[in-house]
Amino acid sequence: MVSTEGMEVVDAVPATEADDDEEENVMRLYVSDDKKNLECRFYEQQYPELESLVVVTVRHIADMGAYVSLLEYNNIEGMILLSELSRRRIRSINKLLRVGRNEVVMVLRVDREKGYIDLSKRRVSPEDVAACEDRFSKAKAVHGVLRHLAEKRKLYLSDLYEKVGWPLYQRYGHAFDAFKLALTEDNEDPFLAIKIPTDLKDELRMYIRRRLAPQPIKIRSEVEVSCYTYEGIDAIREALFKGMALSTQSTQIKIKLIAPPSYVLSTMTLDKDSGMNLLGKAIEVIRDTIIEKGGQMEVKMAPRAVSLREETELQAMMDKLALENEEVDGDAPEDE
């Protein structure tokens, strides 16, 4: 092993190509500061297939249409023709497209010699958009992992795609699926046949776990529970505790009082659907119990995933209400 510290190494490549087994896992080094080594398309084919869907960023709007960059193909240029923007009559192109915004479009023509790519927006259905965006987000995640590794190790990103990314696309349909397999030890090792140094494989696995490991999702619902019968507060407490009793070992249900009769039900889960279903069952149990006691319940917000900003806003509101209650409780009587 030769240290490159204090030395200028330019495009280090295998000295020979005779010993395939020894040289196949050698990676080129890149020491320039212009980051050209981090440029590479997502997929093995240089250009997209006809009638395939791609994600583009609008760069410039002209009289003939819009010039865009194909994000999955190393930002090569394409054009959305004016006649392919919408099925309806176009009154203003600026209402359909905005510079800097991403769009899902269909590939109409590819001139490989001149590099021209004609695209269509009007031939893309809402269902196509959802499927394309899902594929793109997965490919972008794969790209982020490989790019991070190339930048940290000063490698050519194209080498990592040739030796890791594209072979995984061929074998698993999508490299993202292979990366997900690498998160668990019970499944097959997707990197077993990949020809790269062992330490590079270990670092790749470590970063995949850090980047792609499932993150807990906060599911929240808001309800109003009231009961004006003799049991009153005791009935409300019983109903809420029965809802909380549906908690599982991995998914705990919590209930907080906002201000009578408003309550927030929440849970943290790795599976969004199961978390929403669990809160839904808790709400049904609370409703059945409180109605049996002569009370009533109204769902103000059905179970849904919430963002960190929404959680912060809710906590701020609850803190404000708590402070106001403390001020009211502590007020001294006015002098007569």
C-alpha atoms as a PDB file:
ATOM      1  CA  MET A   1       0.000   0.000   0.000  1.00  0.00           C
ATOM      2  CA  VAL A   2       1.511   3.327  -1.081  1.00  0.00           C
ATOM      3  CA  SER A   3       0.426   6.472   0.761  1.00  0.00           C
ATOM      4  CA  THR A   4      -0.539   9.434  -1.407  1.00  0.00           C
ATOM      5  CA  GLU A   5      -0.169  11.942   1.432  1.00  0.00           C
ATOM      6  CA  GLY A   6       2.048  14.821   0.373  1.00  0.00           C
ATOM      7  CA  MET A   7       2.142  13.548  -3.217  1.00  0.00           C
ATOM      8  CA  GLU A   8       0.322  14.728  -6.310  1.00  0.00           C
ATOM      9  CA  VAL A   9      -1.530  11.824  -7.861  1.00  0.00           C
ATOM     10  CA  VAL A  10      -3.216  12.435 -11.201  1.00  0.00           C
ATOM     11  CA  ASP A  11      -5.715   9.910 -12.562  1.00  0.00           C
ATOM     12  CA  ALA A  12      -4.074   6.859 -11.015  1.00  0.00           C
ATOM     13  CA  VAL A  13      -5.072   3.828 -13.114  1.00  0.00           C
ATOM     14  CA  PRO A  14      -4.066   0.147 -13.178  1.00  0.00           C
ATOM     15  CA  ALA A  15      -0.567  -0.297 -14.566  1.00  0.00           C
ATOM     16  CA  THR A  16      -1.594  -3.306 -16.645  1.00  0.00           C
ATOM     17  CA  GLU A  17      -4.764  -4.983 -17.764  1.00  0.00           C
ATOM     18  CA  ALA A  18      -3.367  -8.492 -18.005  1.00  0.00           C
ATOM     19  CA  ASP A  19      -4.210  -9.697 -14.518  1.00  0.00           C
ATOM     20  CA  ASP A  20      -7.951  -9.143 -14.514  1.00  0.00           C
ATOM     21  CA  ASP A  21      -8.531 -10.720 -11.108  1.00  0.00           C
ATOM     22  CA  GLU A  22      -6.007  -8.427  -9.439  1.00  0.00           C
ATOM     23  CA  GLU A  23      -6.711  -5.248 -11.351  1.00  0.00           C
ATOM     24  CA  GLU A  24     -10.480  -5.425 -11.771  1.00  0.00           C
ATOM     25  CA  ASN A  25     -11.151  -3.899  -8.362  1.00  0.00           C
ATOM     26  CA  VAL A  26      -8.651  -1.026  -8.681  1.00  0.00           C
ATOM     27  CA  MET A  27     -10.293   2.418  -8.638  1.00  0.00           C
ATOM     28  CA  ARG A  28      -8.893   5.553 -10.257  1.00  0.00           C
ATOM     29  CA  LEU A  29      -7.977   8.492  -8.025  1.00  0.00           C
ATOM     30  CA  TYR A  30      -8.763  12.130  -8.747  1.00  0.00           C
ATOM     31  CA  VAL A  31      -7.058  15.013  -6.981  1.00  0.00           C
ATOM     32  CA  SER A  32      -8.168  18.106  -8.898  1.00  0.00           C
ATOM     33  CA  ASP A  33     -10.492  20.589  -7.183  1.00  0.00           C
ATOM     34  CA  ASP A  34     -12.898  21.123 -10.091  1.00  0.00           C
ATOM     35  CA  LYS A  35     -15.130  18.159  -9.101  1.00  0.00           C
ATOM     36  CA  LYS A  36     -15.400  16.811 -12.652  1.00  0.00           C
ATOM     37  CA  ASN A  37     -14.922  13.337 -11.244  1.00  0.00           C
ATOM     38  CA  LEU A  38     -18.352  13.647  -9.581  1.00  0.00           C
ATOM     39  CA  GLU A  39     -20.229  14.009 -12.870  1.00  0.00           C
ATOM     40  CA  CYS A  40     -22.081  10.966 -14.172  1.00  0.00           C
ATOM     41  CA  ARG A  41     -25.520   9.972 -15.447  1.00  0.00           C
ATOM     42  CA  PHE A  42     -27.725   7.719 -13.336  1.00  0.00           C
ATOM     43  CA  TYR A  43     -28.212   4.939 -15.881  1.00  0.00           C
ATOM     44  CA  GLU A  44     -25.916   2.944 -18.132  1.00  0.00           C
ATOM     45  CA  GLN A  45     -27.465   4.102 -21.414  1.00  0.00           C
ATOM     46  CA  GLN A  46     -26.191   7.521 -22.463  1.00  0.00           C
ATOM     47  CA  TYR A  47     -29.567   8.716 -23.796  1.00  0.00           C
ATOM     48  CA  PRO A  48     -33.143   7.906 -22.715  1.00  0.00           C
ATOM     49  CA  GLU A  49     -35.306   5.554 -24.747  1.00  0.00           C
ATOM     50  CA  LEU A  50     -38.095   6.877 -26.974  1.00  0.00           C
ATOM     51  CA  GLU A  51     -41.422   7.292 -25.161  1.00  0.00           C
ATOM     52  CA  SER A  52     -39.732   6.875 -21.789  1.00  0.00           C
ATOM     53  CA  LEU A  53     -40.446   9.330 -18.972  1.00  0.00           C
ATOM     54  CA  VAL A  54     -37.710  11.528 -17.556  1.00  0.00           C
ATOM     55  CA  VAL A  55     -37.405  14.248 -14.924  1.00  0.00           C
ATOM     56  CA  VAL A  56     -36.116  17.595 -16.150  1.00  0.00           C
ATOM     57  CA  THR A  57     -35.394  21.035 -14.733  1.00  0.00           C
ATOM     58  CA  VAL A  58     -36.588  24.034 -16.737  1.00  0.00           C
ATOM     59  CA  ARG A  59     -33.590  26.245 -17.580  1.00  0.00           C
ATOM     60  CA  HIS A  60     -34.874  28.767 -20.131  1.00  0.00           C
ATOM     61  CA  ILE A  61     -38.198  29.578 -21.776  1.00  0.00           C
ATOM     62  CA  ALA A  62     -38.092  30.674 -25.431  1.00  0.00           C
ATOM     63  CA  ASP A  63     -40.578  31.284 -28.252  1.00  0.00           C
ATOM     64  CA  MET A  64     -40.277  27.714 -29.576  1.00  0.00           C
ATOM     65  CA  GLY A  65     -40.609  26.068 -26.197  1.00  0.00           C
ATOM     66  CA  ALA A  66     -38.546  25.467 -23.067  1.00  0.00           C
ATOM     67  CA  TYR A  67     -34.922  24.389 -22.769  1.00  0.00           C
ATOM     68  CA  VAL A  68     -34.456  21.857 -19.978  1.00  0.00           C
ATOM     69  CA  SER A  69     -31.801  19.686 -18.355  1.00  0.00           C
ATOM     70  CA  LEU A  70     -32.361  15.932 -18.022  1.00  0.00           C
ATOM     71  CA  LEU A  71     -31.442  15.326 -14.385  1.00  0.00           C
ATOM     72  CA  GLU A  72     -30.980  11.563 -14.710  1.00  0.00           C
ATOM     73  CA  TYR A  73     -28.655  11.926 -17.716  1.00  0.00           C
ATOM     74  CA  ASN A  74     -26.002  14.236 -16.298  1.00  0.00           C
ATOM     75  CA  ASN A  75     -28.010  17.363 -17.191  1.00  0.00           C
ATOM     76  CA  ILE A  76     -27.814  16.965 -20.973  1.00  0.00           C
ATOM     77  CA  GLU A  77     -30.041  19.495 -22.728  1.00  0.00           C
ATOM     78  CA  GLY A  78     -33.464  18.844 -24.190  1.00  0.00           C
ATOM     79  CA  MET A  79     -36.420  20.922 -25.366  1.00  0.00           C
ATOM     80  CA  ILE A  80     -40.121  20.794 -24.577  1.00  0.00           C
ATOM     81  CA  LEU A  81     -41.712  21.945 -27.811  1.00  0.00           C
ATOM     82  CA  LEU A  82     -44.380  24.621 -27.592  1.00  0.00           C
ATOM     83  CA  SER A  83     -46.892  22.317 -29.284  1.00  0.00           C
ATOM     84  CA  GLU A  84     -46.168  19.614 -26.679  1.00  0.00           C
ATOM     85  CA  LEU A  85     -46.799  21.694 -23.572  1.00  0.00           C
ATOM     86  CA  SER A  86     -50.534  21.220 -23.169  1.00  0.00           C
ATOM     87  CA  ARG A  87     -53.575  19.660 -24.802  1.00  0.00           C
ATOM     88  CA  ARG A  88     -55.404  22.940 -24.319  1.00  0.00           C
ATOM     89  CA  ARG A  89     -54.835  26.229 -26.075  1.00  0.00           C
ATOM     90  CA  ILE A  90     -51.817  27.971 -24.576  1.00  0.00           C
ATOM     91  CA  ARG A  91     -52.462  31.553 -23.517  1.00  0.00           C
ATOM     92  CA  SER A  92     -49.263  31.972 -21.522  1.00  0.00           C
ATOM     93  CA  ILE A  93     -46.342  29.575 -21.444  1.00  0.00           C
ATOM     94  CA  ASN A  94     -45.277  31.046 -18.095  1.00  0.00           C
ATOM     95  CA  LYS A  95     -48.424  29.642 -16.492  1.00  0.00           C
ATOM     96  CA  LEU A  96     -47.450  26.136 -17.536  1.00  0.00           C
ATOM     97  CA  LEU A  97     -43.716  26.227 -16.866  1.00  0.00           C
ATOM     98  CA  ARG A  98     -41.423  28.038 -14.470  1.00  0.00           C
ATOM     99  CA  VAL A  99     -37.655  28.331 -14.639  1.00  0.00           C
ATOM    100  CA  GLY A 100     -36.019  26.154 -11.994  1.00  0.00           C
ATOM    101  CA  ARG A 101     -39.004  23.863 -11.510  1.00  0.00           C
ATOM    102  CA  ASN A 102     -38.838  20.109 -12.112  1.00  0.00           C
ATOM    103  CA  GLU A 103     -41.208  18.493 -14.626  1.00  0.00           C
ATOM    104  CA  VAL A 104     -41.948  14.941 -15.761  1.00  0.00           C
ATOM    105  CA  VAL A 105     -41.914  14.705 -19.555  1.00  0.00           C
ATOM    106  CA  MET A 106     -41.969  12.072 -22.303  1.00  0.00           C
ATOM    107  CA  VAL A 107     -39.119  11.563 -24.763  1.00  0.00           C
ATOM    108  CA  LEU A 108     -40.299  12.061 -28.356  1.00  0.00           C
ATOM    109  CA  ARG A 109     -37.075  12.133 -30.402  1.00  0.00           C
ATOM    110  CA  VAL A 110     -33.379  11.592 -29.732  1.00  0.00           C
ATOM    111  CA  ASP A 111     -30.737  12.671 -32.224  1.00  0.00           C
ATOM    112  CA  ARG A 112     -27.633  10.974 -30.850  1.00  0.00           C
ATOM    113  CA  GLU A 113     -25.291  12.594 -33.395  1.00  0.00           C
ATOM    114  CA  LYS A 114     -26.404  16.177 -32.776  1.00  0.00           C
ATOM    115  CA  GLY A 115     -27.461  15.618 -29.180  1.00  0.00           C
ATOM    116  CA  TYR A 116     -31.003  16.930 -29.720  1.00  0.00           C
ATOM    117  CA  ILE A 117     -33.740  15.591 -27.453  1.00  0.00           C
ATOM    118  CA  ASP A 118     -37.375  16.615 -28.046  1.00  0.00           C
ATOM    119  CA  LEU A 119     -39.758  16.219 -25.142  1.00  0.00           C
ATOM    120  CA  SER A 120     -43.475  16.401 -24.414  1.00  0.00           C
ATOM    121  CA  LYS A 121     -45.337  17.482 -21.316  1.00  0.00           C
ATOM    122  CA  ARG A 122     -48.884  17.106 -22.640  1.00  0.00           C
ATOM    123  CA  ARG A 123     -48.557  13.343 -23.246  1.00  0.00           C
ATOM    124  CA  VAL A 124     -47.826  12.598 -19.588  1.00  0.00           C
ATOM    125  CA  SER A 125     -50.723  11.467 -17.384  1.00  0.00           C
ATOM    126  CA  PRO A 126     -50.953  12.095 -13.605  1.00  0.00           C
ATOM    127  CA  GLU A 127     -50.387   8.371 -13.023  1.00  0.00           C
ATOM    128  CA  ASP A 128     -47.222   8.536 -15.136  1.00  0.00           C
ATOM    129  CA  VAL A 129     -45.973  11.467 -13.079  1.00  0.00           C
ATOM    130  CA  ALA A 130     -46.339   9.587  -9.786  1.00  0.00           C
ATOM    131  CA  ALA A 131     -44.535   6.485 -11.089  1.00  0.00           C
ATOM    132  CA  CYS A 132     -41.724   8.512 -12.657  1.00  0.00           C
ATOM    133  CA  GLU A 133     -41.200  10.631  -9.554  1.00  0.00           C
ATOM    134  CA  ASP A 134     -40.996   7.489  -7.406  1.00  0.00           C
ATOM    135  CA  ARG A 135     -38.370   5.956  -9.718  1.00  0.00           C
ATOM    136  CA  PHE A 136     -36.450   9.234  -9.826  1.00  0.00           C
ATOM    137  CA  SER A 137     -36.399   9.651  -6.044  1.00  0.00           C
ATOM    138  CA  LYS A 138     -34.947   6.153  -5.673  1.00  0.00           C
ATOM    139  CA  ALA A 139     -32.352   6.752  -8.396  1.00  0.00           C
ATOM    140  CA  LYS A 140     -31.466  10.070  -6.767  1.00  0.00           C
ATOM    141  CA  ALA A 141     -30.899   8.298  -3.445  1.00  0.00           C
ATOM    142  CA  VAL A 142     -28.570   5.794  -5.144  1.00  0.00           C
ATOM    143  CA  HIS A 143     -26.760   8.652  -6.866  1.00  0.00           C
ATOM    144  CA  GLY A 144     -26.335  10.447  -3.539  1.00  0.00           C
ATOM    145  CA  VAL A 145     -24.747   7.402  -1.911  1.00  0.00           C
ATOM    146  CA  LEU A 146     -22.313   6.773  -4.772  1.00  0.00           C
ATOM    147  CA  ARG A 147     -21.469  10.457  -5.126  1.00  0.00           C
ATOM    148  CA  HIS A 148     -20.719  10.749  -1.401  1.00  0.00           C
ATOM    149  CA  LEU A 149     -18.379   7.769  -1.627  1.00  0.00           C
ATOM    150  CA  ALA A 150     -16.644   9.154  -4.736  1.00  0.00           C
ATOM    151  CA  GLU A 151     -16.179  12.558  -3.130  1.00  0.00           C
ATOM    152  CA  LYS A 152     -14.882  11.175   0.159  1.00  0.00           C
ATOM    153  CA  ARG A 153     -12.465   8.728  -1.483  1.00  0.00           C
ATOM    154  CA  LYS A 154     -11.550  11.055  -4.390  1.00  0.00           C
ATOM    155  CA  LEU A 155     -12.733   8.473  -6.911  1.00  0.00           C
ATOM    156  CA  TYR A 156     -14.384   8.819 -10.280  1.00  0.00           C
ATOM    157  CA  LEU A 157     -18.145   8.590  -9.878  1.00  0.00           C
ATOM    158  CA  SER A 158     -18.340   6.965 -13.311  1.00  0.00           C
ATOM    159  CA  ASP A 159     -16.103   4.138 -12.019  1.00  0.00           C
ATOM    160  CA  LEU A 160     -18.455   3.513  -9.108  1.00  0.00           C
ATOM    161  CA  TYR A 161     -21.413   3.393 -11.477  1.00  0.00           C
ATOM    162  CA  GLU A 162     -19.607   0.986 -13.819  1.00  0.00           C
ATOM    163  CA  LYS A 163     -18.521  -1.339 -11.008  1.00  0.00           C
ATOM    164  CA  VAL A 164     -21.414  -0.931  -8.547  1.00  0.00           C
ATOM    165  CA  GLY A 165     -24.432   1.034  -9.728  1.00  0.00           C
ATOM    166  CA  TRP A 166     -25.095  -0.256 -13.237  1.00  0.00           C
ATOM    167  CA  PRO A 167     -24.455  -3.945 -12.427  1.00  0.00           C
ATOM    168  CA  LEU A 168     -26.985  -3.636  -9.586  1.00  0.00           C
ATOM    169  CA  TYR A 169     -29.518  -2.031 -11.939  1.00  0.00           C
ATOM    170  CA  GLN A 170     -29.076  -4.962 -14.321  1.00  0.00           C
ATOM    171  CA  ARG A 171     -29.410  -7.629 -11.635  1.00  0.00           C
ATOM    172  CA  TYR A 172     -32.149  -6.155  -9.413  1.00  0.00           C
ATOM    173  CA  GLY A 173     -34.057  -3.895 -11.794  1.00  0.00           C
ATOM    174  CA  HIS A 174     -33.185  -0.891  -9.653  1.00  0.00           C
ATOM    175  CA  ALA A 175     -30.015  -0.320  -7.634  1.00  0.00           C
ATOM    176  CA  PHE A 176     -32.157   1.124  -4.828  1.00  0.00           C
ATOM    177  CA  ASP A 177     -33.714  -2.312  -4.272  1.00  0.00           C
ATOM    178  CA  ALA A 178     -30.232  -3.790  -3.908  1.00  0.00           C
ATOM    179  CA  PHE A 179     -29.297  -1.073  -1.430  1.00  0.00           C
ATOM    180  CA  LYS A 180     -32.393  -1.908   0.643  1.00  0.00           C
ATOM    181  CA  LEU A 181     -31.346  -5.565   0.693  1.00  0.00           C
ATOM    182  CA  ALA A 182     -27.984  -4.480   2.104  1.00  0.00           C
ATOM    183  CA  LEU A 183     -29.744  -3.009   5.157  1.00  0.00           C
ATOM    184  CA  THR A 184     -30.561  -6.446   6.583  1.00  0.00           C
ATOM    185  CA  GLU A 185     -28.249  -9.367   7.168  1.00  0.00           C
ATOM    186  CA  ASP A 186     -30.985 -11.953   6.586  1.00  0.00           C
ATOM    187  CA  ASN A 187     -31.089 -11.311   2.828  1.00  0.00           C
ATOM    188  CA  GLU A 188     -28.519 -12.139   0.175  1.00  0.00           C
ATOM    189  CA  ASP A 189     -25.487  -9.888  -0.058  1.00  0.00           C
ATOM    190  CA  PRO A 190     -26.030  -7.717  -3.173  1.00  0.00           C
ATOM    191  CA  PHE A 191     -22.344  -6.751  -3.197  1.00  0.00           C
ATOM    192  CA  LEU A 192     -20.966 -10.286  -3.201  1.00  0.00           C
ATOM    193  CA  ALA A 193     -20.223 -10.263  -6.948  1.00  0.00           C
ATOM    194  CA  ILE A 194     -19.162  -6.599  -7.071  1.00  0.00           C
ATOM    195  CA  LYS A 195     -15.470  -6.176  -7.895  1.00  0.00           C
ATOM    196  CA  ILE A 196     -14.310  -3.365  -5.611  1.00  0.00           C
ATOM    197  CA  PRO A 197     -11.924  -3.356  -2.607  1.00  0.00           C
ATOM    198  CA  THR A 198     -13.346  -4.860   0.593  1.00  0.00           C
ATOM    199  CA  ASP A 199     -12.860  -1.674   2.606  1.00  0.00           C
ATOM    200  CA  LEU A 200     -14.811   0.230  -0.040  1.00  0.00           C
ATOM    201  CA  LYS A 201     -17.656  -2.290   0.215  1.00  0.00           C
ATOM    202  CA  ASP A 202     -17.701  -1.889   3.994  1.00  0.00           C
ATOM    203  CA  GLU A 203     -17.827   1.882   3.711  1.00  0.00           C
ATOM    204  CA  LEU A 204     -20.588   1.628   1.119  1.00  0.00           C
ATOM    205  CA  ARG A 205     -22.671  -0.597   3.415  1.00  0.00           C
ATOM    206  CA  MET A 206     -22.121   1.755   6.348  1.00  0.00           C
ATOM    207  CA  TYR A 207     -23.248   4.822   4.405  1.00  0.00           C
ATOM    208  CA  ILE A 208     -26.277   2.988   2.984  1.00  0.00           C
ATOM    209  CA  ARG A 209     -27.382   2.136   6.528  1.00  0.00           C
ATOM    210  CA  ARG A 210     -26.965   5.743   7.591  1.00  0.00           C
ATOM    211  CA  ARG A 211     -28.625   7.234   4.518  1.00  0.00           C
ATOM    212  CA  LEU A 212     -31.389   4.771   3.636  1.00  0.00           C
ATOM    213  CA  ALA A 213     -32.339   3.192   6.958  1.00  0.00           C
ATOM    214  CA  PRO A 214     -36.077   3.698   7.606  1.00  0.00           C
ATOM    215  CA  GLN A 215     -36.793   6.805   9.669  1.00  0.00           C
ATOM    216  CA  PRO A 216     -39.617   6.936  12.232  1.00  0.00           C
ATOM    217  CA  ILE A 217     -42.705   8.784  11.021  1.00  0.00           C
ATOM    218  CA  LYS A 218     -44.938  10.816  13.322  1.00  0.00           C
ATOM    219  CA  ILE A 219     -48.646  10.046  12.851  1.00  0.00           C
ATOM    220  CA  ARG A 220     -51.104  12.415  14.485  1.00  0.00           C
ATOM    221  CA  SER A 221     -54.847  12.895  14.875  1.00  0.00           C
ATOM    222  CA  GLU A 222     -56.949  15.472  16.707  1.00  0.00           C
ATOM    223  CA  VAL A 223     -60.288  14.705  18.352  1.00  0.00           C
ATOM    224  CA  GLU A 224     -62.821  16.350  20.637  1.00  0.00           C
ATOM    225  CA  VAL A 225     -64.168  14.145  23.423  1.00  0.00           C
ATOM    226  CA  SER A 226     -66.883  15.344  25.817  1.00  0.00           C
ATOM    227  CA  CYS A 227     -69.287  13.829  28.304  1.00  0.00           C
ATOM    228  CA  TYR A 228     -71.845  15.723  30.416  1.00  0.00           C
ATOM    229  CA  THR A 229     -73.367  12.746  32.230  1.00  0.00           C
ATOM    230  CA  TYR A 230     -72.749  11.837  35.851  1.00  0.00           C
ATOM    231  CA  GLU A 231     -69.524   9.970  35.006  1.00  0.00           C
ATOM    232  CA  GLY A 232     -68.188  12.974  33.071  1.00  0.00           C
ATOM    233  CA  ILE A 233     -64.407  13.209  33.384  1.00  0.00           C
ATOM    234  CA  ASP A 234     -64.093   9.586  34.500  1.00  0.00           C
ATOM    235  CA  ALA A 235     -65.840   8.446  31.316  1.00  0.00           C
ATOM    236  CA  ILE A 236     -63.507  10.527  29.156  1.00  0.00           C
ATOM    237  CA  ARG A 237     -60.471   9.160  30.978  1.00  0.00           C
ATOM    238  CA  GLU A 238     -61.677   5.586  30.560  1.00  0.00           C
ATOM    239  CA  ALA A 239     -62.302   6.070  26.843  1.00  0.00           C
ATOM    240  CA  LEU A 240     -58.869   7.608  26.265  1.00  0.00           C
ATOM    241  CA  PHE A 241     -57.082   4.899  28.228  1.00  0.00           C
ATOM    242  CA  LYS A 242     -58.850   2.213  26.191  1.00  0.00           C
ATOM    243  CA  GLY A 243     -57.533   3.884  23.044  1.00  0.00           C
ATOM    244  CA  MET A 244     -53.998   3.972  24.444  1.00  0.00           C
ATOM    245  CA  ALA A 245     -54.309   0.298  25.431  1.00  0.00           C
ATOM    246  CA  LEU A 246     -54.121  -0.621  21.733  1.00  0.00           C
ATOM    247  CA  SER A 247     -50.421   0.297  21.744  1.00  0.00           C
ATOM    248  CA  THR A 248     -48.038  -2.397  20.585  1.00  0.00           C
ATOM    249  CA  GLN A 249     -44.470  -3.039  21.676  1.00  0.00           C
ATOM    250  CA  SER A 250     -43.117  -1.218  18.620  1.00  0.00           C
ATOM    251  CA  THR A 251     -45.847   1.429  18.244  1.00  0.00           C
ATOM    252  CA  GLN A 252     -46.930   3.355  21.326  1.00  0.00           C
ATOM    253  CA  ILE A 253     -50.025   5.559  21.271  1.00  0.00           C
ATOM    254  CA  LYS A 254     -49.815   8.813  23.216  1.00  0.00           C
ATOM    255  CA  ILE A 255     -52.688  11.161  23.998  1.00  0.00           C
ATOM    256  CA  LYS A 256     -52.251  14.779  25.087  1.00  0.00           C
ATOM    257  CA  LEU A 257     -54.798  17.370  26.157  1.00  0.00           C
ATOM    258  CA  ILE A 258     -54.728  20.582  24.116  1.00  0.00           C
ATOM    259  CA  ALA A 259     -57.615  22.299  25.843  1.00  0.00           C
ATOM    260  CA  PRO A 260     -60.921  20.692  26.839  1.00  0.00           C
ATOM    261  CA  PRO A 261     -62.466  19.001  24.904  1.00  0.00           C
ATOM    262  CA  SER A 262     -59.565  18.781  22.359  1.00  0.00           C
ATOM    263  CA  TYR A 263     -57.034  15.948  22.458  1.00  0.00           C
ATOM    264  CA  VAL A 264     -54.119  14.908  20.243  1.00  0.00           C
ATOM    265  CA  LEU A 265     -53.405  11.256  19.507  1.00  0.00           C
ATOM    266  CA  SER A 266     -49.946  10.482  18.168  1.00  0.00           C
ATOM    267  CA  THR A 267     -47.530   7.656  17.516  1.00  0.00           C
ATOM    268  CA  MET A 268     -44.083   7.092  16.013  1.00  0.00           C
ATOM    269  CA  THR A 269     -43.768   4.277  13.494  1.00  0.00           C
ATOM    270  CA  LEU A 270     -41.539   2.948  10.728  1.00  0.00           C
ATOM    271  CA  ASP A 271     -44.593   1.899   8.726  1.00  0.00           C
ATOM    272  CA  LYS A 272     -46.861   4.815   7.835  1.00  0.00           C
ATOM    273  CA  ASP A 273     -49.879   2.697   6.882  1.00  0.00           C
ATOM    274  CA  SER A 274     -49.787   0.543  10.012  1.00  0.00           C
ATOM    275  CA  GLY A 275     -49.396   3.635  12.191  1.00  0.00           C
ATOM    276  CA  MET A 276     -52.402   5.316  10.612  1.00  0.00           C
ATOM    277  CA  ASN A 277     -54.466   2.129  10.931  1.00  0.00           C
ATOM    278  CA  LEU A 278     -53.554   1.804  14.609  1.00  0.00           C
ATOM    279  CA  LEU A 279     -54.616   5.378  15.385  1.00  0.00           C
ATOM    280  CA  GLY A 280     -57.801   4.783  13.408  1.00  0.00           C
ATOM    281  CA  LYS A 281     -58.640   1.763  15.593  1.00  0.00           C
ATOM    282  CA  ALA A 282     -57.862   3.768  18.740  1.00  0.00           C
ATOM    283  CA  ILE A 283     -60.278   6.484  17.617  1.00  0.00           C
ATOM    284  CA  GLU A 284     -63.032   3.887  17.046  1.00  0.00           C
ATOM    285  CA  VAL A 285     -62.497   2.419  20.514  1.00  0.00           C
ATOM    286  CA  ILE A 286     -62.629   5.873  22.111  1.00  0.00           C
ATOM    287  CA  ARG A 287     -65.792   6.741  20.186  1.00  0.00           C
ATOM    288  CA  ASP A 288     -67.579   3.498  21.106  1.00  0.00           C
ATOM    289  CA  THR A 289     -66.623   3.826  24.770  1.00  0.00           C
ATOM    290  CA  ILE A 290     -67.613   7.471  25.206  1.00  0.00           C
ATOM    291  CA  ILE A 291     -70.924   7.011  23.356  1.00  0.00           C
ATOM    292  CA  GLU A 292     -71.714   4.066  25.631  1.00  0.00           C
ATOM    293  CA  LYS A 293     -71.153   6.394  28.591  1.00  0.00           C
ATOM    294  CA  GLY A 294     -73.494   9.007  27.143  1.00  0.00           C
ATOM    295  CA  GLY A 295     -70.813  11.277  25.710  1.00  0.00           C
ATOM    296  CA  GLN A 296     -69.721  12.133  22.189  1.00  0.00           C
ATOM    297  CA  MET A 297     -66.602  12.410  20.051  1.00  0.00           C
ATOM    298  CA  GLU A 298     -65.759  14.341  16.898  1.00  0.00           C
ATOM    299  CA  VAL A 299     -62.660  13.789  14.744  1.00  0.00           C
ATOM    300  CA  LYS A 300     -61.168  17.193  13.916  1.00  0.00           C
ATOM    301  CA  MET A 301     -58.187  15.785  11.997  1.00  0.00           C
ATOM    302  CA  ALA A 302     -58.020  12.214  10.696  1.00  0.00           C
ATOM    303  CA  PRO A 303     -54.750  10.285  11.279  1.00  0.00           C
ATOM    304  CA  ARG A 304     -51.984  11.517   8.978  1.00  0.00           C
ATOM    305  CA  ALA A 305     -48.214  11.906   8.859  1.00  0.00           C
ATOM    306  CA  VAL A 306     -47.033  15.282  10.102  1.00  0.00           C
ATOM    307  CA  SER A 307     -43.849  17.239   9.509  1.00  0.00           C
ATOM    308  CA  LEU A 308     -41.381  18.531  12.083  1.00  0.00           C
ATOM    309  CA  ARG A 309     -42.682  22.059  11.467  1.00  0.00           C
ATOM    310  CA  GLU A 310     -46.253  21.010  12.279  1.00  0.00           C
ATOM    311  CA  GLU A 311     -45.078  19.316  15.450  1.00  0.00           C
ATOM    312  CA  THR A 312     -43.164  22.433  16.481  1.00  0.00           C
ATOM    313  CA  GLU A 313     -46.212  24.623  15.868  1.00  0.00           C
ATOM    314  CA  LEU A 314     -48.439  22.294  17.908  1.00  0.00           C
ATOM    315  CA  GLN A 315     -45.977  22.247  20.796  1.00  0.00           C
ATOM    316  CA  ALA A 316     -45.717  26.042  20.712  1.00  0.00           C
ATOM    317  CA  MET A 317     -49.517  26.332  20.869  1.00  0.00           C
ATOM    318  CA  MET A 318     -49.714  23.891  23.785  1.00  0.00           C
ATOM    319  CA  ASP A 319     -46.961  25.752  25.645  1.00  0.00           C
ATOM    320  CA  LYS A 320     -48.830  29.018  25.120  1.00  0.00           C
ATOM    321  CA  LEU A 321     -52.103  27.541  26.441  1.00  0.00           C
ATOM    322  CA  ALA A 322     -50.293  26.086  29.449  1.00  0.00           C
ATOM    323  CA  LEU A 323     -48.755  29.468  30.215  1.00  0.00           C
ATOM    324  CA  GLU A 324     -52.121  31.215  29.917  1.00  0.00           C
ATOM    325  CA  ASN A 325     -53.689  28.687  32.291  1.00  0.00           C
ATOM    326  CA  GLU A 326     -50.907  29.237  34.822  1.00  0.00           C
ATOM    327  CA  GLU A 327     -51.433  33.000  34.655  1.00  0.00           C
ATOM    328  CA  VAL A 328     -55.183  32.605  35.212  1.00  0.00           C
ATOM    329  CA  ASP A 329     -54.710  30.214  38.141  1.00  0.00           C
ATOM    330  CA  GLY A 330     -52.172  32.506  39.764  1.00  0.00           C
ATOM    331  CA  ASP A 331     -54.074  35.781  39.432  1.00  0.00           C
ATOM    332  CA  ALA A 332     -54.697  37.466  42.735  1.00  0.00           C
ATOM    333  CA  PRO A 333     -58.213  38.754  43.474  1.00  0.00           C
ATOM    334  CA  GLU A 334     -58.726  42.419  42.795  1.00  0.00           C
ATOM    335  CA  ASP A 335     -58.980  44.745  45.753  1.00  0.00           C
ATOM    336  CA  GLU A 336     -62.516  45.822  46.479  1.00  0.00           C
END
